C-alpha atoms as a PDB file:
ATOM      1  CA  ASP A   1     -57.776  23.873 -42.757  1.00  0.00           C
ATOM      2  CA  GLY A   2     -59.843  25.493 -39.797  1.00  0.00           C
ATOM      3  CA  THR A   3     -63.095  24.415 -41.450  1.00  0.00           C
ATOM      4  CA  SER A   4     -62.080  20.838 -41.675  1.00  0.00           C
ATOM      5  CA  ALA A   5     -61.235  20.777 -38.199  1.00  0.00           C
ATOM      6  CA  THR A   6     -64.892  22.027 -37.405  1.00  0.00           C
ATOM      7  CA  PRO A   7     -66.662  18.969 -38.811  1.00  0.00           C
ATOM      8  CA  ASP A   8     -64.260  16.494 -37.331  1.00  0.00           C
ATOM      9  CA  THR A   9     -64.786  17.696 -33.918  1.00  0.00           C
ATOM     10  CA  TYR A  10     -68.450  17.368 -34.479  1.00  0.00           C
ATOM     11  CA  VAL A  11     -68.453  13.764 -35.171  1.00  0.00           C
ATOM     12  CA  PRO A  12     -66.867  12.601 -31.830  1.00  0.00           C
ATOM     13  CA  SER A  13     -69.611  14.685 -30.077  1.00  0.00           C
ATOM     14  CA  ALA A  14     -72.116  12.636 -31.352  1.00  0.00           C
ATOM     15  CA  SER A  15     -70.295   9.462 -30.197  1.00  0.00           C
ATOM     16  CA  THR A  16     -70.291  10.679 -26.738  1.00  0.00           C
ATOM     17  CA  THR A  17     -74.139  11.056 -26.702  1.00  0.00           C
ATOM     18  CA  THR A  18     -74.503   7.469 -27.690  1.00  0.00           C
ATOM     19  CA  GLN A  19     -72.515   6.424 -24.575  1.00  0.00           C
ATOM     20  CA  GLN A  20     -75.045   8.086 -22.424  1.00  0.00           C
ATOM     21  CA  PRO A  21     -77.629   5.231 -22.625  1.00  0.00           C
ATOM     22  CA  PRO A  22     -75.457   3.142 -20.399  1.00  0.00           C
ATOM     23  CA  VAL A  23     -75.765   5.871 -17.816  1.00  0.00           C
ATOM     24  CA  THR A  24     -79.667   5.381 -17.366  1.00  0.00           C
ATOM     25  CA  VAL A  25     -79.033   1.737 -16.522  1.00  0.00           C
ATOM     26  CA  VAL A  26     -77.096   2.728 -13.245  1.00  0.00           C
ATOM     27  CA  PRO A  27     -80.167   4.527 -11.842  1.00  0.00           C
ATOM     28  CA  THR A  28     -82.032   1.488 -11.980  1.00  0.00           C
ATOM     29  CA  ALA A  29     -79.835  -0.495  -9.720  1.00  0.00           C
ATOM     30  CA  PRO A  30     -79.980   2.173  -6.614  1.00  0.00           C
ATOM     31  CA  PRO A  31     -84.012   1.699  -6.355  1.00  0.00           C
ATOM     32  CA  PRO A  32     -83.543  -2.019  -5.344  1.00  0.00           C
ATOM     33  CA  SER A  33     -80.833  -1.170  -2.688  1.00  0.00           C
ATOM     34  CA  PRO A  34     -83.223   0.782  -0.346  1.00  0.00           C
ATOM     35  CA  LEU A  35     -85.790  -1.843  -0.591  1.00  0.00           C
ATOM     36  CA  PRO A  36     -84.171  -4.562   1.097  1.00  0.00           C
ATOM     37  CA  PRO A  37     -83.303  -2.440   4.455  1.00  0.00           C
END
C-alpha cells in the first residue's frame, strides 16, 4: 500500500506547479502603480 501512496502524492504536486503561472501575472500589476505617483 505504501508504494501506491507515493505515486498518488506525486500527481497533486504537479498540479500545484501549474497554478504558479497566475502568480507571475501579479508582479506585472505593481509596476504600473509606481508610475502614476
